[in-house]
Amino acid sequence: MTGPIPVYVRRIPAGAELDMSALTAHVVSDVIDALIDPESTELWDLLQAVANPPARAEGDTDQLDRERLETALVARASSRVPLYGPAVARLVERLLAVAGVVLPKQRRAA
């Protein structure tokens, strides 16, 4: 399926695999933009705190900075793939094909 963010579908033994490499690239770009945002250094500062944690007591496994960074970046990153017009039908057809599902003709018309 082509589009602003292509999705490729291939059959695997248990069903289908969606190749969303373009979405991954889009998300990475969003993360980089968030980290180098000239309007706010909050995420960059948090990244630095995660990369250079202060000395902690032995056995302290507190990862709040990392969890906060992850939560903030997930909130800023893309998570949806837009499908326009016939792309929806093509994706459905491709998923049905790799799953080996055949719909009766009258159901396809609906």
N, C-alpha and C. Protein backbone atom coordinates (compact mmCIF):
# COMPACT_ATOMS: atom_id res chain seq x y z
N MET A 1 0.85 -1.16 0.00
CA MET A 1 0.00 0.00 0.00
C MET A 1 0.90 1.23 0.00
N THR A 2 0.76 2.04 -0.99
CA THR A 2 1.55 3.25 -1.06
C THR A 2 0.77 4.41 -0.46
N GLY A 3 1.43 5.48 -0.23
CA GLY A 3 0.78 6.64 0.34
C GLY A 3 1.82 7.49 1.03
N PRO A 4 1.38 8.41 1.85
CA PRO A 4 2.35 9.24 2.53
C PRO A 4 3.26 8.41 3.44
N ILE A 5 2.71 7.34 3.98
CA ILE A 5 3.49 6.40 4.79
C ILE A 5 3.14 5.00 4.28
N PRO A 6 3.99 4.45 3.39
CA PRO A 6 3.66 3.14 2.82
C PRO A 6 3.67 2.03 3.86
N VAL A 7 2.78 1.09 3.67
CA VAL A 7 2.70 -0.11 4.51
C VAL A 7 2.77 -1.30 3.57
N TYR A 8 3.70 -2.19 3.83
CA TYR A 8 3.83 -3.39 3.01
C TYR A 8 3.39 -4.59 3.82
N VAL A 9 2.69 -5.50 3.17
CA VAL A 9 2.13 -6.67 3.83
C VAL A 9 2.72 -7.91 3.20
N ARG A 10 3.17 -8.84 4.05
CA ARG A 10 3.62 -10.13 3.52
C ARG A 10 3.12 -11.24 4.41
N ARG A 11 2.94 -12.37 3.79
CA ARG A 11 2.44 -13.53 4.51
C ARG A 11 3.54 -14.13 5.37
N ILE A 12 3.17 -14.54 6.56
CA ILE A 12 4.04 -15.33 7.42
C ILE A 12 3.24 -16.54 7.86
N PRO A 13 3.88 -17.58 8.36
CA PRO A 13 3.15 -18.81 8.68
C PRO A 13 1.92 -18.61 9.57
N ALA A 14 1.99 -17.70 10.51
CA ALA A 14 0.87 -17.53 11.44
C ALA A 14 -0.10 -16.43 11.03
N GLY A 15 0.14 -15.75 9.91
CA GLY A 15 -0.77 -14.68 9.51
C GLY A 15 -0.12 -13.69 8.56
N ALA A 16 0.03 -12.44 9.01
CA ALA A 16 0.57 -11.39 8.16
C ALA A 16 1.59 -10.56 8.94
N GLU A 17 2.51 -10.00 8.20
CA GLU A 17 3.50 -9.09 8.78
C GLU A 17 3.35 -7.76 8.07
N LEU A 18 3.23 -6.69 8.83
CA LEU A 18 3.16 -5.35 8.27
C LEU A 18 4.53 -4.72 8.38
N ASP A 19 5.10 -4.33 7.23
CA ASP A 19 6.37 -3.62 7.22
C ASP A 19 6.04 -2.14 7.26
N MET A 20 6.37 -1.52 8.37
CA MET A 20 6.06 -0.11 8.56
C MET A 20 7.34 0.69 8.75
N SER A 21 8.34 0.39 7.92
CA SER A 21 9.63 1.08 8.00
C SER A 21 9.48 2.59 7.84
N ALA A 22 8.60 3.00 6.96
CA ALA A 22 8.39 4.44 6.76
C ALA A 22 7.83 5.09 8.02
N LEU A 23 6.94 4.39 8.73
CA LEU A 23 6.42 4.93 9.98
C LEU A 23 7.54 5.03 11.01
N THR A 24 8.40 4.02 11.05
CA THR A 24 9.54 4.06 11.97
C THR A 24 10.41 5.28 11.70
N ALA A 25 10.70 5.53 10.43
CA ALA A 25 11.51 6.70 10.07
C ALA A 25 10.81 7.98 10.49
N HIS A 26 9.50 8.03 10.32
CA HIS A 26 8.71 9.21 10.71
C HIS A 26 8.78 9.42 12.23
N VAL A 27 8.67 8.35 12.99
CA VAL A 27 8.73 8.43 14.45
C VAL A 27 10.11 8.89 14.90
N VAL A 28 11.16 8.31 14.31
CA VAL A 28 12.52 8.72 14.67
C VAL A 28 12.71 10.21 14.38
N SER A 29 12.19 10.67 13.26
CA SER A 29 12.28 12.09 12.92
C SER A 29 11.55 12.94 13.96
N ASP A 30 10.37 12.48 14.39
CA ASP A 30 9.62 13.19 15.44
C ASP A 30 10.42 13.27 16.73
N VAL A 31 11.08 12.17 17.09
CA VAL A 31 11.87 12.13 18.32
C VAL A 31 13.05 13.10 18.22
N ILE A 32 13.74 13.09 17.09
CA ILE A 32 14.86 14.02 16.91
C ILE A 32 14.36 15.46 17.00
N ASP A 33 13.25 15.76 16.33
CA ASP A 33 12.69 17.11 16.38
C ASP A 33 12.36 17.50 17.83
N ALA A 34 11.80 16.57 18.59
CA ALA A 34 11.46 16.86 19.98
C ALA A 34 12.70 17.14 20.81
N LEU A 35 13.77 16.39 20.56
CA LEU A 35 15.00 16.55 21.34
C LEU A 35 15.74 17.84 21.01
N ILE A 36 15.65 18.29 19.77
CA ILE A 36 16.41 19.49 19.39
C ILE A 36 15.50 20.71 19.23
N ASP A 37 14.32 20.66 19.78
CA ASP A 37 13.37 21.76 19.72
C ASP A 37 13.99 23.02 20.34
N PRO A 38 14.17 24.09 19.54
CA PRO A 38 14.79 25.30 20.08
C PRO A 38 13.89 26.04 21.09
N GLU A 39 12.60 25.71 21.08
CA GLU A 39 11.66 26.38 21.99
C GLU A 39 11.70 25.81 23.40
N SER A 40 12.18 24.56 23.53
CA SER A 40 12.21 23.92 24.85
C SER A 40 13.33 22.90 24.91
N THR A 41 14.13 22.98 25.95
CA THR A 41 15.23 22.02 26.12
C THR A 41 14.86 20.94 27.14
N GLU A 42 13.60 20.90 27.54
CA GLU A 42 13.17 19.96 28.59
C GLU A 42 13.50 18.50 28.24
N LEU A 43 13.17 18.08 27.03
CA LEU A 43 13.43 16.68 26.67
C LEU A 43 14.92 16.41 26.51
N TRP A 44 15.66 17.39 25.96
CA TRP A 44 17.12 17.23 25.85
C TRP A 44 17.73 17.11 27.24
N ASP A 45 17.29 17.95 28.17
CA ASP A 45 17.80 17.90 29.54
C ASP A 45 17.48 16.56 30.19
N LEU A 46 16.28 16.07 29.94
CA LEU A 46 15.88 14.78 30.50
C LEU A 46 16.72 13.65 29.90
N LEU A 47 17.00 13.74 28.60
CA LEU A 47 17.87 12.75 27.96
C LEU A 47 19.25 12.76 28.62
N GLN A 48 19.77 13.93 28.88
CA GLN A 48 21.08 14.04 29.53
C GLN A 48 21.04 13.44 30.94
N ALA A 49 19.93 13.64 31.65
CA ALA A 49 19.79 13.07 33.00
C ALA A 49 19.75 11.55 32.95
N VAL A 50 19.11 11.02 31.92
CA VAL A 50 19.05 9.56 31.76
C VAL A 50 20.43 9.02 31.39
N ALA A 51 21.13 9.72 30.50
CA ALA A 51 22.44 9.25 30.03
C ALA A 51 23.52 9.40 31.10
N ASN A 52 23.35 10.35 31.99
CA ASN A 52 24.35 10.60 33.04
C ASN A 52 23.67 10.65 34.39
N PRO A 53 23.17 9.51 34.85
CA PRO A 53 22.41 9.52 36.12
C PRO A 53 23.32 9.86 37.29
N PRO A 54 22.76 10.52 38.27
CA PRO A 54 23.55 10.80 39.47
C PRO A 54 23.85 9.49 40.20
N ALA A 55 24.88 9.51 41.01
CA ALA A 55 25.21 8.32 41.79
C ALA A 55 24.01 7.98 42.67
N ARG A 56 23.67 6.72 42.70
CA ARG A 56 22.52 6.28 43.49
C ARG A 56 22.96 5.20 44.46
N ALA A 57 22.16 5.01 45.44
CA ALA A 57 22.47 3.97 46.43
C ALA A 57 22.50 2.62 45.75
N GLU A 58 23.37 1.75 46.21
CA GLU A 58 23.47 0.41 45.62
C GLU A 58 22.12 -0.29 45.70
N GLY A 59 21.73 -0.90 44.61
CA GLY A 59 20.45 -1.60 44.56
C GLY A 59 19.29 -0.72 44.15
N ASP A 60 19.51 0.59 44.03
CA ASP A 60 18.45 1.50 43.60
C ASP A 60 18.24 1.32 42.10
N THR A 61 17.08 0.86 41.72
CA THR A 61 16.79 0.62 40.30
C THR A 61 15.78 1.64 39.77
N ASP A 62 15.64 2.76 40.45
CA ASP A 62 14.70 3.79 40.04
C ASP A 62 15.03 4.28 38.63
N GLN A 63 14.06 4.17 37.74
CA GLN A 63 14.26 4.62 36.36
C GLN A 63 13.23 5.68 35.99
N LEU A 64 12.91 6.51 36.95
CA LEU A 64 11.88 7.51 36.68
C LEU A 64 12.25 8.45 35.55
N ASP A 65 13.53 8.90 35.49
CA ASP A 65 13.92 9.80 34.41
C ASP A 65 13.72 9.13 33.05
N ARG A 66 14.14 7.88 32.92
CA ARG A 66 13.99 7.16 31.65
C ARG A 66 12.52 6.99 31.31
N GLU A 67 11.72 6.63 32.29
CA GLU A 67 10.29 6.45 32.06
C GLU A 67 9.63 7.77 31.66
N ARG A 68 10.01 8.85 32.31
CA ARG A 68 9.46 10.16 31.95
C ARG A 68 9.86 10.55 30.54
N LEU A 69 11.13 10.30 30.17
CA LEU A 69 11.59 10.60 28.82
C LEU A 69 10.82 9.77 27.80
N GLU A 70 10.69 8.48 28.06
CA GLU A 70 9.96 7.61 27.13
C GLU A 70 8.52 8.07 26.97
N THR A 71 7.86 8.36 28.06
CA THR A 71 6.47 8.81 28.01
C THR A 71 6.34 10.11 27.20
N ALA A 72 7.26 11.04 27.43
CA ALA A 72 7.21 12.32 26.72
C ALA A 72 7.47 12.14 25.23
N LEU A 73 8.43 11.28 24.87
CA LEU A 73 8.73 11.07 23.46
C LEU A 73 7.61 10.31 22.75
N VAL A 74 7.01 9.35 23.43
CA VAL A 74 5.87 8.63 22.84
C VAL A 74 4.73 9.60 22.57
N ALA A 75 4.52 10.52 23.48
CA ALA A 75 3.45 11.50 23.29
C ALA A 75 3.72 12.40 22.09
N ARG A 76 4.99 12.67 21.79
CA ARG A 76 5.34 13.56 20.68
C ARG A 76 5.48 12.84 19.34
N ALA A 77 5.68 11.52 19.36
CA ALA A 77 5.97 10.77 18.14
C ALA A 77 4.69 10.35 17.41
N SER A 78 4.83 10.12 16.10
CA SER A 78 3.70 9.67 15.29
C SER A 78 3.30 8.25 15.67
N SER A 79 2.01 7.99 15.62
CA SER A 79 1.54 6.64 15.94
C SER A 79 0.43 6.19 15.01
N ARG A 80 0.12 6.99 14.02
CA ARG A 80 -0.97 6.64 13.10
C ARG A 80 -0.49 6.71 11.66
N VAL A 81 -1.04 5.81 10.87
CA VAL A 81 -0.72 5.78 9.44
C VAL A 81 -1.96 6.22 8.69
N PRO A 82 -1.89 7.34 7.98
CA PRO A 82 -3.07 7.79 7.23
C PRO A 82 -3.32 6.90 6.01
N LEU A 83 -4.56 6.56 5.79
CA LEU A 83 -4.98 5.81 4.61
C LEU A 83 -6.04 6.64 3.90
N TYR A 84 -5.86 6.84 2.61
CA TYR A 84 -6.78 7.68 1.86
C TYR A 84 -7.48 6.86 0.79
N GLY A 85 -8.79 7.06 0.69
CA GLY A 85 -9.59 6.47 -0.38
C GLY A 85 -9.33 5.01 -0.63
N PRO A 86 -8.91 4.69 -1.86
CA PRO A 86 -8.75 3.30 -2.25
C PRO A 86 -7.64 2.56 -1.49
N ALA A 87 -6.76 3.29 -0.81
CA ALA A 87 -5.69 2.64 -0.05
C ALA A 87 -6.27 1.76 1.06
N VAL A 88 -7.41 2.16 1.61
CA VAL A 88 -8.06 1.36 2.66
C VAL A 88 -8.48 0.01 2.08
N ALA A 89 -9.13 0.03 0.93
CA ALA A 89 -9.58 -1.21 0.29
C ALA A 89 -8.40 -2.08 -0.11
N ARG A 90 -7.32 -1.46 -0.62
CA ARG A 90 -6.14 -2.25 -1.01
C ARG A 90 -5.51 -2.93 0.19
N LEU A 91 -5.44 -2.23 1.32
CA LEU A 91 -4.87 -2.84 2.52
C LEU A 91 -5.74 -4.00 2.99
N VAL A 92 -7.05 -3.80 3.00
CA VAL A 92 -7.97 -4.87 3.41
C VAL A 92 -7.81 -6.07 2.49
N GLU A 93 -7.79 -5.83 1.17
CA GLU A 93 -7.63 -6.94 0.22
C GLU A 93 -6.32 -7.68 0.44
N ARG A 94 -5.25 -6.93 0.67
CA ARG A 94 -3.94 -7.56 0.87
C ARG A 94 -3.91 -8.37 2.16
N LEU A 95 -4.49 -7.83 3.23
CA LEU A 95 -4.53 -8.57 4.49
C LEU A 95 -5.37 -9.84 4.36
N LEU A 96 -6.50 -9.74 3.68
CA LEU A 96 -7.34 -10.93 3.47
C LEU A 96 -6.59 -11.96 2.63
N ALA A 97 -5.86 -11.49 1.62
CA ALA A 97 -5.12 -12.41 0.75
C ALA A 97 -4.04 -13.16 1.51
N VAL A 98 -3.26 -12.46 2.33
CA VAL A 98 -2.19 -13.16 3.05
C VAL A 98 -2.73 -14.05 4.15
N ALA A 99 -3.93 -13.72 4.64
CA ALA A 99 -4.55 -14.56 5.66
C ALA A 99 -5.27 -15.76 5.05
N GLY A 100 -5.42 -15.75 3.72
CA GLY A 100 -6.11 -16.85 3.04
C GLY A 100 -7.61 -16.80 3.23
N VAL A 101 -8.16 -15.63 3.50
CA VAL A 101 -9.60 -15.48 3.69
C VAL A 101 -10.22 -15.00 2.39
N VAL A 102 -11.30 -15.65 1.99
CA VAL A 102 -12.01 -15.25 0.78
C VAL A 102 -13.43 -14.87 1.19
N LEU A 103 -13.81 -13.65 0.84
CA LEU A 103 -15.16 -13.19 1.14
C LEU A 103 -16.07 -13.50 -0.05
N PRO A 104 -17.33 -13.88 0.23
CA PRO A 104 -18.27 -14.07 -0.87
C PRO A 104 -18.43 -12.77 -1.66
N LYS A 105 -18.71 -12.88 -2.96
CA LYS A 105 -18.82 -11.71 -3.85
C LYS A 105 -19.77 -10.65 -3.32
N GLN A 106 -20.97 -11.04 -2.82
CA GLN A 106 -21.92 -10.04 -2.38
C GLN A 106 -21.41 -9.26 -1.17
N ARG A 107 -20.55 -9.82 -0.35
CA ARG A 107 -20.02 -9.09 0.80
C ARG A 107 -18.98 -8.08 0.36
N ARG A 108 -18.23 -8.38 -0.70
CA ARG A 108 -17.22 -7.45 -1.18
C ARG A 108 -17.85 -6.17 -1.71
N ALA A 109 -19.04 -6.29 -2.29
CA ALA A 109 -19.71 -5.14 -2.87
C ALA A 109 -20.16 -4.14 -1.80
N ALA A 110 -20.34 -4.59 -0.60
CA ALA A 110 -20.83 -3.73 0.48
C ALA A 110 -19.78 -2.85 0.96
